[in-house]
């Protein structure tokens, strides 16, 4: 039979009284005939030995230890990790990450005067979760094309307008599809004074906010009619793990199809890599591979993600 020393038994009893019975440390000391100092030492010992597990389950709680580990491992400026506890679906988890991203954006100081944003379901959720008056006078500029034949919730215009409206600012849209069928058409569009002006503004933004898409048939780019499922299958065959601002990347963060990339309208990956503040919101089991590509290739300075993705990155990250 396993033997337990007296201090270990005392630490368990102190923990039961303190956490289960809601006694103060002074009250625990009186019951166990110990000093308050000794009770504090016993509680600390119980935590160190794993007798106590404390879990904060509020939807806006964060995993601070994982955040610190991500910053140290990948050399990013900041990380925000939301817990999985209490989520029942992928939508719940995405909403929780979106709320965390909205909170982080509202806390940025100085407030970005020009904020570059992408589009998609996750960014739409961020826009929905932002508080009214999160900032004042922000110019929200679209950083990748988004005009499509399938106008669904989460499209570029709706997202940019909502973020700007809540900041009493204005939205500057990029009046172009995300991907053009012909390279000459794309070059002609970018040569247009209006489009060129928006791209120049996007390139000079104070901060960027974007998500990353999966390399799958449920991609927003497939949903919006830019690519077919067969197109995505071919990209995956070439090594694609997902897309960043409409540009498909491999595990090393490199473009997988240069010809497709040349027909893609929007901010370049080089601009994201050189940005002072680029916030990537990437959560969900299907996005672990693209999240790893983003953090290991310098595509973000801030990562907003979920607990399981953070653990996967730390387990296999380099």
C-alpha atoms as a PDB file:
ATOM      1  CA  UNK A   1       0.000   0.000   0.000  1.00  0.00           C
ATOM      2  CA  UNK A   2       1.261   3.495  -0.871  1.00  0.00           C
ATOM      3  CA  UNK A   3       2.367   5.497   2.128  1.00  0.00           C
ATOM      4  CA  UNK A   4       1.542   9.190   2.437  1.00  0.00           C
ATOM      5  CA  UNK A   5       3.485  11.485   4.693  1.00  0.00           C
ATOM      6  CA  UNK A   6       1.804  13.825   7.145  1.00  0.00           C
ATOM      7  CA  UNK A   7       2.512  17.005   5.147  1.00  0.00           C
ATOM      8  CA  UNK A   8       0.935  15.470   2.062  1.00  0.00           C
ATOM      9  CA  UNK A   9      -2.219  14.584   3.966  1.00  0.00           C
ATOM     10  CA  UNK A  10      -2.301  18.056   5.469  1.00  0.00           C
ATOM     11  CA  UNK A  11      -1.913  19.674   2.047  1.00  0.00           C
ATOM     12  CA  UNK A  12      -4.851  17.636   0.704  1.00  0.00           C
ATOM     13  CA  UNK A  13      -6.990  18.508   3.723  1.00  0.00           C
ATOM     14  CA  UNK A  14      -6.037  22.202   3.471  1.00  0.00           C
ATOM     15  CA  UNK A  15      -6.923  22.194  -0.237  1.00  0.00           C
ATOM     16  CA  UNK A  16     -10.311  20.596   0.438  1.00  0.00           C
ATOM     17  CA  UNK A  17     -11.146  23.174   3.068  1.00  0.00           C
ATOM     18  CA  UNK A  18      -9.866  26.116   1.025  1.00  0.00           C
ATOM     19  CA  UNK A  19     -11.302  25.199  -2.408  1.00  0.00           C
ATOM     20  CA  UNK A  20     -14.289  22.950  -1.658  1.00  0.00           C
ATOM     21  CA  UNK A  21     -15.457  24.508   1.603  1.00  0.00           C
ATOM     22  CA  UNK A  22     -14.502  28.101   0.646  1.00  0.00           C
ATOM     23  CA  UNK A  23     -12.677  28.654   3.920  1.00  0.00           C
ATOM     24  CA  UNK A  24     -10.135  31.459   4.227  1.00  0.00           C
ATOM     25  CA  UNK A  25      -6.507  30.568   4.914  1.00  0.00           C
ATOM     26  CA  UNK A  26      -6.961  31.856   8.470  1.00  0.00           C
ATOM     27  CA  UNK A  27     -10.010  29.607   8.932  1.00  0.00           C
ATOM     28  CA  UNK A  28      -8.160  26.603   7.504  1.00  0.00           C
ATOM     29  CA  UNK A  29      -5.316  27.295   9.907  1.00  0.00           C
ATOM     30  CA  UNK A  30      -7.683  27.417  12.856  1.00  0.00           C
ATOM     31  CA  UNK A  31      -9.307  24.103  11.884  1.00  0.00           C
ATOM     32  CA  UNK A  32      -5.993  22.309  11.300  1.00  0.00           C
ATOM     33  CA  UNK A  33      -4.220  24.125  14.130  1.00  0.00           C
ATOM     34  CA  UNK A  34      -1.631  25.572  11.765  1.00  0.00           C
ATOM     35  CA  UNK A  35      -0.309  29.052  11.078  1.00  0.00           C
ATOM     36  CA  UNK A  36      -1.606  30.947   8.060  1.00  0.00           C
ATOM     37  CA  UNK A  37       1.944  30.800   6.642  1.00  0.00           C
ATOM     38  CA  UNK A  38       1.948  26.983   6.905  1.00  0.00           C
ATOM     39  CA  UNK A  39      -1.448  26.772   5.187  1.00  0.00           C
ATOM     40  CA  UNK A  40      -0.121  28.877   2.315  1.00  0.00           C
ATOM     41  CA  UNK A  41       2.879  26.555   1.957  1.00  0.00           C
ATOM     42  CA  UNK A  42       0.637  23.469   1.979  1.00  0.00           C
ATOM     43  CA  UNK A  43      -1.627  24.907  -0.745  1.00  0.00           C
ATOM     44  CA  UNK A  44       1.381  25.819  -2.881  1.00  0.00           C
ATOM     45  CA  UNK A  45       2.758  22.283  -2.410  1.00  0.00           C
ATOM     46  CA  UNK A  46      -0.565  20.748  -3.415  1.00  0.00           C
ATOM     47  CA  UNK A  47      -0.513  22.746  -6.665  1.00  0.00           C
ATOM     48  CA  UNK A  48       3.098  21.844  -7.419  1.00  0.00           C
ATOM     49  CA  UNK A  49       2.424  18.117  -6.914  1.00  0.00           C
ATOM     50  CA  UNK A  50      -0.666  18.155  -9.122  1.00  0.00           C
ATOM     51  CA  UNK A  51      -3.199  17.521  -6.355  1.00  0.00           C
ATOM     52  CA  UNK A  52      -5.076  20.644  -7.452  1.00  0.00           C
ATOM     53  CA  UNK A  53      -6.212  21.514 -10.971  1.00  0.00           C
ATOM     54  CA  UNK A  54      -7.762  24.925 -11.522  1.00  0.00           C
ATOM     55  CA  UNK A  55      -9.580  25.617 -14.792  1.00  0.00           C
ATOM     56  CA  UNK A  56     -11.024  28.979 -15.753  1.00  0.00           C
ATOM     57  CA  UNK A  57     -13.943  28.312 -18.096  1.00  0.00           C
ATOM     58  CA  UNK A  58     -15.253  31.785 -18.875  1.00  0.00           C
ATOM     59  CA  UNK A  59     -15.619  32.234 -22.686  1.00  0.00           C
ATOM     60  CA  UNK A  60     -13.189  35.167 -22.612  1.00  0.00           C
ATOM     61  CA  UNK A  61     -10.565  33.414 -20.490  1.00  0.00           C
ATOM     62  CA  UNK A  62      -7.066  32.896 -21.894  1.00  0.00           C
ATOM     63  CA  UNK A  63      -4.308  30.302 -21.550  1.00  0.00           C
ATOM     64  CA  UNK A  64      -1.459  32.525 -20.399  1.00  0.00           C
ATOM     65  CA  UNK A  65       1.167  29.778 -20.066  1.00  0.00           C
ATOM     66  CA  UNK A  66       0.567  28.639 -23.639  1.00  0.00           C
ATOM     67  CA  UNK A  67       0.712  32.247 -24.824  1.00  0.00           C
ATOM     68  CA  UNK A  68       4.105  32.708 -23.218  1.00  0.00           C
ATOM     69  CA  UNK A  69       5.369  29.444 -24.729  1.00  0.00           C
ATOM     70  CA  UNK A  70       4.221  30.453 -28.220  1.00  0.00           C
ATOM     71  CA  UNK A  71       5.963  33.821 -27.930  1.00  0.00           C
ATOM     72  CA  UNK A  72       9.184  32.174 -26.830  1.00  0.00           C
ATOM     73  CA  UNK A  73       9.106  29.317 -29.340  1.00  0.00           C
ATOM     74  CA  UNK A  74       8.257  31.288 -32.462  1.00  0.00           C
ATOM     75  CA  UNK A  75       9.607  34.740 -31.634  1.00  0.00           C
ATOM     76  CA  UNK A  76       6.287  36.503 -32.195  1.00  0.00           C
ATOM     77  CA  UNK A  77       5.370  39.692 -30.368  1.00  0.00           C
ATOM     78  CA  UNK A  78       2.220  38.319 -28.793  1.00  0.00           C
ATOM     79  CA  UNK A  79      -0.103  35.329 -28.667  1.00  0.00           C
ATOM     80  CA  UNK A  80      -3.699  35.002 -27.519  1.00  0.00           C
ATOM     81  CA  UNK A  81      -4.903  31.469 -26.764  1.00  0.00           C
ATOM     82  CA  UNK A  82      -8.540  30.738 -25.935  1.00  0.00           C
ATOM     83  CA  UNK A  83      -9.584  27.606 -23.997  1.00  0.00           C
ATOM     84  CA  UNK A  84     -11.541  24.799 -25.604  1.00  0.00           C
ATOM     85  CA  UNK A  85     -13.597  24.067 -22.469  1.00  0.00           C
ATOM     86  CA  UNK A  86     -17.255  24.938 -22.937  1.00  0.00           C
ATOM     87  CA  UNK A  87     -17.226  24.886 -26.743  1.00  0.00           C
ATOM     88  CA  UNK A  88     -19.498  22.364 -28.439  1.00  0.00           C
ATOM     89  CA  UNK A  89     -18.693  22.944 -32.100  1.00  0.00           C
ATOM     90  CA  UNK A  90     -16.211  24.399 -34.551  1.00  0.00           C
ATOM     91  CA  UNK A  91     -18.451  27.449 -34.825  1.00  0.00           C
ATOM     92  CA  UNK A  92     -18.289  27.966 -31.054  1.00  0.00           C
ATOM     93  CA  UNK A  93     -14.514  27.775 -31.111  1.00  0.00           C
ATOM     94  CA  UNK A  94     -14.248  30.171 -34.051  1.00  0.00           C
ATOM     95  CA  UNK A  95     -16.555  32.626 -32.277  1.00  0.00           C
ATOM     96  CA  UNK A  96     -14.453  32.457 -29.118  1.00  0.00           C
ATOM     97  CA  UNK A  97     -11.261  33.148 -31.087  1.00  0.00           C
ATOM     98  CA  UNK A  98     -13.009  35.982 -32.923  1.00  0.00           C
ATOM     99  CA  UNK A  99     -14.006  37.560 -29.611  1.00  0.00           C
ATOM    100  CA  UNK A 100     -10.409  37.326 -28.388  1.00  0.00           C
ATOM    101  CA  UNK A 101      -9.178  38.930 -31.612  1.00  0.00           C
ATOM    102  CA  UNK A 102     -11.747  41.715 -31.257  1.00  0.00           C
ATOM    103  CA  UNK A 103     -10.620  42.333 -27.670  1.00  0.00           C
ATOM    104  CA  UNK A 104      -6.975  42.415 -28.738  1.00  0.00           C
ATOM    105  CA  UNK A 105      -7.636  44.789 -31.634  1.00  0.00           C
ATOM    106  CA  UNK A 106      -9.517  47.174 -29.340  1.00  0.00           C
ATOM    107  CA  UNK A 107      -6.586  47.137 -26.896  1.00  0.00           C
ATOM    108  CA  UNK A 108      -3.939  48.106 -29.476  1.00  0.00           C
ATOM    109  CA  UNK A 109      -2.023  51.272 -28.608  1.00  0.00           C
ATOM    110  CA  UNK A 110      -1.462  53.386 -30.502  1.00  0.00           C
ATOM    111  CA  UNK A 111      -4.759  52.842 -32.282  1.00  0.00           C
ATOM    112  CA  UNK A 112      -4.038  51.943 -35.936  1.00  0.00           C
ATOM    113  CA  UNK A 113      -5.099  54.877 -38.096  1.00  0.00           C
ATOM    114  CA  UNK A 114      -5.184  52.607 -41.162  1.00  0.00           C
ATOM    115  CA  UNK A 115      -6.143  48.979 -40.535  1.00  0.00           C
ATOM    116  CA  UNK A 116      -5.733  46.475 -43.355  1.00  0.00           C
ATOM    117  CA  UNK A 117      -8.234  43.590 -43.216  1.00  0.00           C
ATOM    118  CA  UNK A 118      -8.904  40.466 -45.223  1.00  0.00           C
ATOM    119  CA  UNK A 119     -12.281  38.739 -45.394  1.00  0.00           C
ATOM    120  CA  UNK A 120     -13.944  35.398 -44.763  1.00  0.00           C
ATOM    121  CA  UNK A 121     -16.043  33.737 -42.068  1.00  0.00           C
ATOM    122  CA  UNK A 122     -13.548  34.292 -39.250  1.00  0.00           C
ATOM    123  CA  UNK A 123     -13.034  37.991 -40.040  1.00  0.00           C
ATOM    124  CA  UNK A 124     -16.802  38.447 -40.290  1.00  0.00           C
ATOM    125  CA  UNK A 125     -17.064  36.994 -36.772  1.00  0.00           C
ATOM    126  CA  UNK A 126     -14.369  39.388 -35.523  1.00  0.00           C
ATOM    127  CA  UNK A 127     -16.332  42.317 -36.957  1.00  0.00           C
ATOM    128  CA  UNK A 128     -19.499  41.071 -35.234  1.00  0.00           C
ATOM    129  CA  UNK A 129     -17.748  40.744 -31.863  1.00  0.00           C
ATOM    130  CA  UNK A 130     -16.107  44.164 -31.886  1.00  0.00           C
ATOM    131  CA  UNK A 131     -17.672  46.583 -29.433  1.00  0.00           C
ATOM    132  CA  UNK A 132     -19.265  49.806 -30.618  1.00  0.00           C
ATOM    133  CA  UNK A 133     -16.683  52.559 -30.262  1.00  0.00           C
ATOM    134  CA  UNK A 134     -13.710  50.179 -30.093  1.00  0.00           C
ATOM    135  CA  UNK A 135     -11.719  53.056 -31.644  1.00  0.00           C
ATOM    136  CA  UNK A 136     -12.358  56.390 -33.318  1.00  0.00           C
ATOM    137  CA  UNK A 137     -11.658  57.450 -36.878  1.00  0.00           C
ATOM    138  CA  UNK A 138      -9.997  54.284 -38.170  1.00  0.00           C
ATOM    139  CA  UNK A 139      -9.716  53.858 -41.925  1.00  0.00           C
ATOM    140  CA  UNK A 140     -10.320  50.172 -42.659  1.00  0.00           C
ATOM    141  CA  UNK A 141      -8.815  49.132 -45.979  1.00  0.00           C
ATOM    142  CA  UNK A 142      -9.429  45.849 -47.742  1.00  0.00           C
ATOM    143  CA  UNK A 143      -6.135  44.061 -48.459  1.00  0.00           C
ATOM    144  CA  UNK A 144      -7.253  41.381 -50.920  1.00  0.00           C
ATOM    145  CA  UNK A 145      -9.861  41.215 -53.631  1.00  0.00           C
ATOM    146  CA  UNK A 146     -13.296  39.985 -52.662  1.00  0.00           C
ATOM    147  CA  UNK A 147     -15.887  40.928 -55.285  1.00  0.00           C
ATOM    148  CA  UNK A 148     -17.582  37.677 -56.332  1.00  0.00           C
ATOM    149  CA  UNK A 149     -20.773  36.326 -57.847  1.00  0.00           C
ATOM    150  CA  UNK A 150     -21.709  34.598 -54.572  1.00  0.00           C
ATOM    151  CA  UNK A 151     -22.299  37.325 -51.984  1.00  0.00           C
ATOM    152  CA  UNK A 152     -22.482  35.543 -48.629  1.00  0.00           C
ATOM    153  CA  UNK A 153     -22.143  36.582 -44.996  1.00  0.00           C
ATOM    154  CA  UNK A 154     -18.520  37.362 -44.364  1.00  0.00           C
ATOM    155  CA  UNK A 155     -17.771  39.011 -47.695  1.00  0.00           C
ATOM    156  CA  UNK A 156     -15.127  41.697 -47.866  1.00  0.00           C
ATOM    157  CA  UNK A 157     -17.409  44.721 -48.061  1.00  0.00           C
ATOM    158  CA  UNK A 158     -19.635  43.678 -45.148  1.00  0.00           C
ATOM    159  CA  UNK A 159     -16.639  42.929 -42.938  1.00  0.00           C
ATOM    160  CA  UNK A 160     -14.732  46.120 -43.685  1.00  0.00           C
ATOM    161  CA  UNK A 161     -17.810  48.325 -43.304  1.00  0.00           C
ATOM    162  CA  UNK A 162     -18.756  46.792 -39.950  1.00  0.00           C
ATOM    163  CA  UNK A 163     -15.273  47.181 -38.466  1.00  0.00           C
ATOM    164  CA  UNK A 164     -15.104  50.789 -39.699  1.00  0.00           C
ATOM    165  CA  UNK A 165     -18.644  51.653 -38.574  1.00  0.00           C
ATOM    166  CA  UNK A 166     -17.919  50.537 -35.022  1.00  0.00           C
ATOM    167  CA  UNK A 167     -14.864  52.796 -34.989  1.00  0.00           C
ATOM    168  CA  UNK A 168     -16.663  55.844 -36.447  1.00  0.00           C
ATOM    169  CA  UNK A 169     -14.297  55.496 -39.370  1.00  0.00           C
ATOM    170  CA  UNK A 170     -14.516  54.726 -43.033  1.00  0.00           C
ATOM    171  CA  UNK A 171     -13.999  51.647 -45.180  1.00  0.00           C
ATOM    172  CA  UNK A 172     -11.897  51.677 -48.327  1.00  0.00           C
ATOM    173  CA  UNK A 173     -12.773  48.706 -50.513  1.00  0.00           C
ATOM    174  CA  UNK A 174     -10.670  46.964 -53.125  1.00  0.00           C
ATOM    175  CA  UNK A 175     -13.013  46.849 -56.138  1.00  0.00           C
ATOM    176  CA  UNK A 176     -11.681  43.649 -57.650  1.00  0.00           C
ATOM    177  CA  UNK A 177     -12.232  39.896 -57.595  1.00  0.00           C
ATOM    178  CA  UNK A 178      -9.785  37.908 -55.488  1.00  0.00           C
ATOM    179  CA  UNK A 179      -8.531  35.842 -58.422  1.00  0.00           C
ATOM    180  CA  UNK A 180      -8.716  36.688 -62.107  1.00  0.00           C
ATOM    181  CA  UNK A 181      -8.945  34.137 -64.909  1.00  0.00           C
ATOM    182  CA  UNK A 182      -6.345  35.880 -67.064  1.00  0.00           C
ATOM    183  CA  UNK A 183      -3.073  37.464 -66.017  1.00  0.00           C
ATOM    184  CA  UNK A 184      -3.494  40.359 -68.432  1.00  0.00           C
ATOM    185  CA  UNK A 185      -6.876  41.166 -66.853  1.00  0.00           C
ATOM    186  CA  UNK A 186      -5.303  41.221 -63.415  1.00  0.00           C
ATOM    187  CA  UNK A 187      -2.523  43.519 -64.579  1.00  0.00           C
ATOM    188  CA  UNK A 188      -5.040  45.823 -66.221  1.00  0.00           C
ATOM    189  CA  UNK A 189      -7.135  46.026 -63.034  1.00  0.00           C
ATOM    190  CA  UNK A 190      -4.106  46.779 -60.866  1.00  0.00           C
ATOM    191  CA  UNK A 191      -3.087  49.511 -63.298  1.00  0.00           C
ATOM    192  CA  UNK A 192      -6.407  51.257 -62.719  1.00  0.00           C
ATOM    193  CA  UNK A 193      -5.896  54.412 -60.655  1.00  0.00           C
ATOM    194  CA  UNK A 194      -8.586  53.532 -58.092  1.00  0.00           C
ATOM    195  CA  UNK A 195      -7.444  49.960 -57.552  1.00  0.00           C
ATOM    196  CA  UNK A 196      -3.804  51.001 -57.512  1.00  0.00           C
ATOM    197  CA  UNK A 197      -4.577  53.654 -54.900  1.00  0.00           C
ATOM    198  CA  UNK A 198      -6.279  51.132 -52.622  1.00  0.00           C
ATOM    199  CA  UNK A 199      -3.378  48.686 -52.962  1.00  0.00           C
ATOM    200  CA  UNK A 200      -0.919  51.462 -52.117  1.00  0.00           C
ATOM    201  CA  UNK A 201      -2.959  52.390 -49.037  1.00  0.00           C
ATOM    202  CA  UNK A 202      -3.110  48.721 -48.011  1.00  0.00           C
ATOM    203  CA  UNK A 203       0.651  48.449 -48.339  1.00  0.00           C
ATOM    204  CA  UNK A 204       1.123  51.377 -45.934  1.00  0.00           C
ATOM    205  CA  UNK A 205      -1.407  50.264 -43.293  1.00  0.00           C
ATOM    206  CA  UNK A 206      -0.481  50.674 -39.622  1.00  0.00           C
ATOM    207  CA  UNK A 207      -1.620  47.125 -38.790  1.00  0.00           C
ATOM    208  CA  UNK A 208      -3.116  44.098 -40.487  1.00  0.00           C
ATOM    209  CA  UNK A 209      -5.855  41.700 -39.372  1.00  0.00           C
ATOM    210  CA  UNK A 210      -6.403  38.506 -41.302  1.00  0.00           C
ATOM    211  CA  UNK A 211      -7.284  34.845 -40.999  1.00  0.00           C
ATOM    212  CA  UNK A 212      -6.092  31.823 -42.951  1.00  0.00           C
ATOM    213  CA  UNK A 213      -8.168  29.412 -44.972  1.00  0.00           C
ATOM    214  CA  UNK A 214      -7.952  25.649 -45.176  1.00  0.00           C
ATOM    215  CA  UNK A 215      -6.886  23.907 -48.348  1.00  0.00           C
ATOM    216  CA  UNK A 216     -10.190  22.079 -48.685  1.00  0.00           C
ATOM    217  CA  UNK A 217     -13.470  22.048 -50.535  1.00  0.00           C
ATOM    218  CA  UNK A 218     -15.101  24.197 -47.847  1.00  0.00           C
ATOM    219  CA  UNK A 219     -12.648  27.043 -48.451  1.00  0.00           C
ATOM    220  CA  UNK A 220     -14.174  30.522 -48.674  1.00  0.00           C
ATOM    221  CA  UNK A 221     -12.486  30.854 -52.076  1.00  0.00           C
ATOM    222  CA  UNK A 222     -14.396  27.789 -53.317  1.00  0.00           C
ATOM    223  CA  UNK A 223     -17.552  28.987 -51.585  1.00  0.00           C
ATOM    224  CA  UNK A 224     -17.257  32.337 -53.379  1.00  0.00           C
ATOM    225  CA  UNK A 225     -16.747  30.789 -56.789  1.00  0.00           C
ATOM    226  CA  UNK A 226     -13.087  31.685 -57.367  1.00  0.00           C
ATOM    227  CA  UNK A 227     -11.835  28.091 -57.355  1.00  0.00           C
ATOM    228  CA  UNK A 228     -13.379  24.680 -57.936  1.00  0.00           C
ATOM    229  CA  UNK A 229     -12.918  21.688 -55.625  1.00  0.00           C
ATOM    230  CA  UNK A 230     -10.689  20.170 -58.328  1.00  0.00           C
ATOM    231  CA  UNK A 231      -8.524  23.298 -58.302  1.00  0.00           C
ATOM    232  CA  UNK A 232      -8.005  22.910 -54.569  1.00  0.00           C
ATOM    233  CA  UNK A 233      -7.222  19.205 -54.927  1.00  0.00           C
ATOM    234  CA  UNK A 234      -4.447  20.118 -57.354  1.00  0.00           C
ATOM    235  CA  UNK A 235      -3.100  22.769 -54.966  1.00  0.00           C
ATOM    236  CA  UNK A 236      -3.027  20.191 -52.161  1.00  0.00           C
ATOM    237  CA  UNK A 237      -1.182  17.785 -54.459  1.00  0.00           C
ATOM    238  CA  UNK A 238       1.442  20.498 -54.866  1.00  0.00           C
ATOM    239  CA  UNK A 239       1.770  20.840 -51.099  1.00  0.00           C
ATOM    240  CA  UNK A 240      -0.747  23.533 -50.153  1.00  0.00           C
ATOM    241  CA  UNK A 241      -1.748  23.638 -46.477  1.00  0.00           C
ATOM    242  CA  UNK A 242      -4.043  26.676 -46.767  1.00  0.00           C
ATOM    243  CA  UNK A 243      -4.312  30.249 -47.976  1.00  0.00           C
ATOM    244  CA  UNK A 244      -3.273  33.583 -46.509  1.00  0.00           C
ATOM    245  CA  UNK A 245      -5.032  36.648 -47.987  1.00  0.00           C
ATOM    246  CA  UNK A 246      -6.039  34.479 -50.934  1.00  0.00           C
ATOM    247  CA  UNK A 247      -2.529  33.137 -51.600  1.00  0.00           C
ATOM    248  CA  UNK A 248      -1.995  29.385 -51.210  1.00  0.00           C
ATOM    249  CA  UNK A 249       1.102  28.421 -49.237  1.00  0.00           C
ATOM    250  CA  UNK A 250       2.931  25.222 -48.363  1.00  0.00           C
ATOM    251  CA  UNK A 251       4.257  24.111 -44.973  1.00  0.00           C
ATOM    252  CA  UNK A 252       7.242  26.443 -45.356  1.00  0.00           C
ATOM    253  CA  UNK A 253       5.035  29.456 -46.064  1.00  0.00           C
ATOM    254  CA  UNK A 254       5.968  29.545 -49.748  1.00  0.00           C
ATOM    255  CA  UNK A 255       3.628  30.049 -52.710  1.00  0.00           C
ATOM    256  CA  UNK A 256       2.651  26.671 -54.188  1.00  0.00           C
ATOM    257  CA  UNK A 257       1.357  27.832 -57.579  1.00  0.00           C
ATOM    258  CA  UNK A 258       3.140  30.932 -58.938  1.00  0.00           C
ATOM    259  CA  UNK A 259       0.804  31.233 -61.935  1.00  0.00           C
ATOM    260  CA  UNK A 260      -2.273  31.295 -59.687  1.00  0.00           C
ATOM    261  CA  UNK A 261      -0.547  33.714 -57.362  1.00  0.00           C
ATOM    262  CA  UNK A 262       0.181  36.075 -60.257  1.00  0.00           C
ATOM    263  CA  UNK A 263      -3.568  36.225 -60.959  1.00  0.00           C
ATOM    264  CA  UNK A 264      -4.401  36.966 -57.305  1.00  0.00           C
ATOM    265  CA  UNK A 265      -5.193  40.569 -56.395  1.00  0.00           C
ATOM    266  CA  UNK A 266      -4.099  41.958 -53.059  1.00  0.00           C
ATOM    267  CA  UNK A 267      -1.378  42.418 -50.499  1.00  0.00           C
ATOM    268  CA  UNK A 268       1.794  40.414 -51.028  1.00  0.00           C
ATOM    269  CA  UNK A 269       3.100  37.966 -48.440  1.00  0.00           C
ATOM    270  CA  UNK A 270       6.342  39.961 -48.382  1.00  0.00           C
ATOM    271  CA  UNK A 271       4.408  42.999 -47.134  1.00  0.00           C
ATOM    272  CA  UNK A 272       2.815  40.946 -44.358  1.00  0.00           C
ATOM    273  CA  UNK A 273       6.228  39.613 -43.331  1.00  0.00           C
ATOM    274  CA  UNK A 274       7.681  43.107 -43.066  1.00  0.00           C
ATOM    275  CA  UNK A 275       4.694  44.588 -41.174  1.00  0.00           C
ATOM    276  CA  UNK A 276       5.177  45.983 -37.684  1.00  0.00           C
ATOM    277  CA  UNK A 277       1.814  44.528 -36.596  1.00  0.00           C
ATOM    278  CA  UNK A 278       0.103  41.654 -38.385  1.00  0.00           C
ATOM    279  CA  UNK A 279      -2.568  39.778 -36.424  1.00  0.00           C
ATOM    280  CA  UNK A 280      -3.449  36.276 -37.635  1.00  0.00           C
ATOM    281  CA  UNK A 281      -6.678  34.754 -36.300  1.00  0.00           C
ATOM    282  CA  UNK A 282      -6.429  30.999 -36.891  1.00  0.00           C
ATOM    283  CA  UNK A 283      -8.438  28.493 -34.856  1.00  0.00           C
ATOM    284  CA  UNK A 284      -9.805  24.996 -35.308  1.00  0.00           C
ATOM    285  CA  UNK A 285      -8.425  21.496 -35.810  1.00  0.00           C
ATOM    286  CA  UNK A 286      -8.434  21.803 -39.587  1.00  0.00           C
ATOM    287  CA  UNK A 287      -6.147  24.831 -39.490  1.00  0.00           C
ATOM    288  CA  UNK A 288      -3.192  23.477 -37.489  1.00  0.00           C
ATOM    289  CA  UNK A 289      -1.032  22.982 -40.587  1.00  0.00           C
ATOM    290  CA  UNK A 290      -1.623  26.474 -41.973  1.00  0.00           C
ATOM    291  CA  UNK A 291      -1.192  28.016 -38.504  1.00  0.00           C
ATOM    292  CA  UNK A 292       2.189  26.301 -38.250  1.00  0.00           C
ATOM    293  CA  UNK A 293       3.186  27.606 -41.685  1.00  0.00           C
ATOM    294  CA  UNK A 294       2.181  31.144 -40.704  1.00  0.00           C
ATOM    295  CA  UNK A 295       4.107  31.300 -37.409  1.00  0.00           C
ATOM    296  CA  UNK A 296       7.219  29.529 -38.656  1.00  0.00           C
ATOM    297  CA  UNK A 297       7.567  31.642 -41.807  1.00  0.00           C
ATOM    298  CA  UNK A 298       7.160  35.077 -40.206  1.00  0.00           C
ATOM    299  CA  UNK A 299       3.730  35.888 -41.611  1.00  0.00           C
ATOM    300  CA  UNK A 300       2.391  37.282 -38.341  1.00  0.00           C
ATOM    301  CA  UNK A 301       3.587  39.199 -35.311  1.00  0.00           C
ATOM    302  CA  UNK A 302       0.512  38.213 -33.275  1.00  0.00           C
ATOM    303  CA  UNK A 303      -1.305  34.869 -33.303  1.00  0.00           C
ATOM    304  CA  UNK A 304      -4.862  34.435 -32.000  1.00  0.00           C
ATOM    305  CA  UNK A 305      -5.683  30.748 -31.730  1.00  0.00           C
ATOM    306  CA  UNK A 306      -7.254  28.024 -29.605  1.00  0.00           C
ATOM    307  CA  UNK A 307      -5.797  25.764 -26.943  1.00  0.00           C
ATOM    308  CA  UNK A 308      -5.593  22.591 -29.057  1.00  0.00           C
ATOM    309  CA  UNK A 309      -3.912  24.372 -31.965  1.00  0.00           C
ATOM    310  CA  UNK A 310      -1.413  26.018 -29.600  1.00  0.00           C
ATOM    311  CA  UNK A 311      -0.533  22.646 -28.049  1.00  0.00           C
ATOM    312  CA  UNK A 312      -0.097  21.105 -31.518  1.00  0.00           C
ATOM    313  CA  UNK A 313       2.194  23.946 -32.600  1.00  0.00           C
ATOM    314  CA  UNK A 314       4.316  23.606 -29.476  1.00  0.00           C
ATOM    315  CA  UNK A 315       4.453  19.822 -29.779  1.00  0.00           C
ATOM    316  CA  UNK A 316       5.729  19.735 -33.361  1.00  0.00           C
ATOM    317  CA  UNK A 317       6.864  23.311 -34.046  1.00  0.00           C
ATOM    318  CA  UNK A 318      10.466  24.050 -34.839  1.00  0.00           C
END
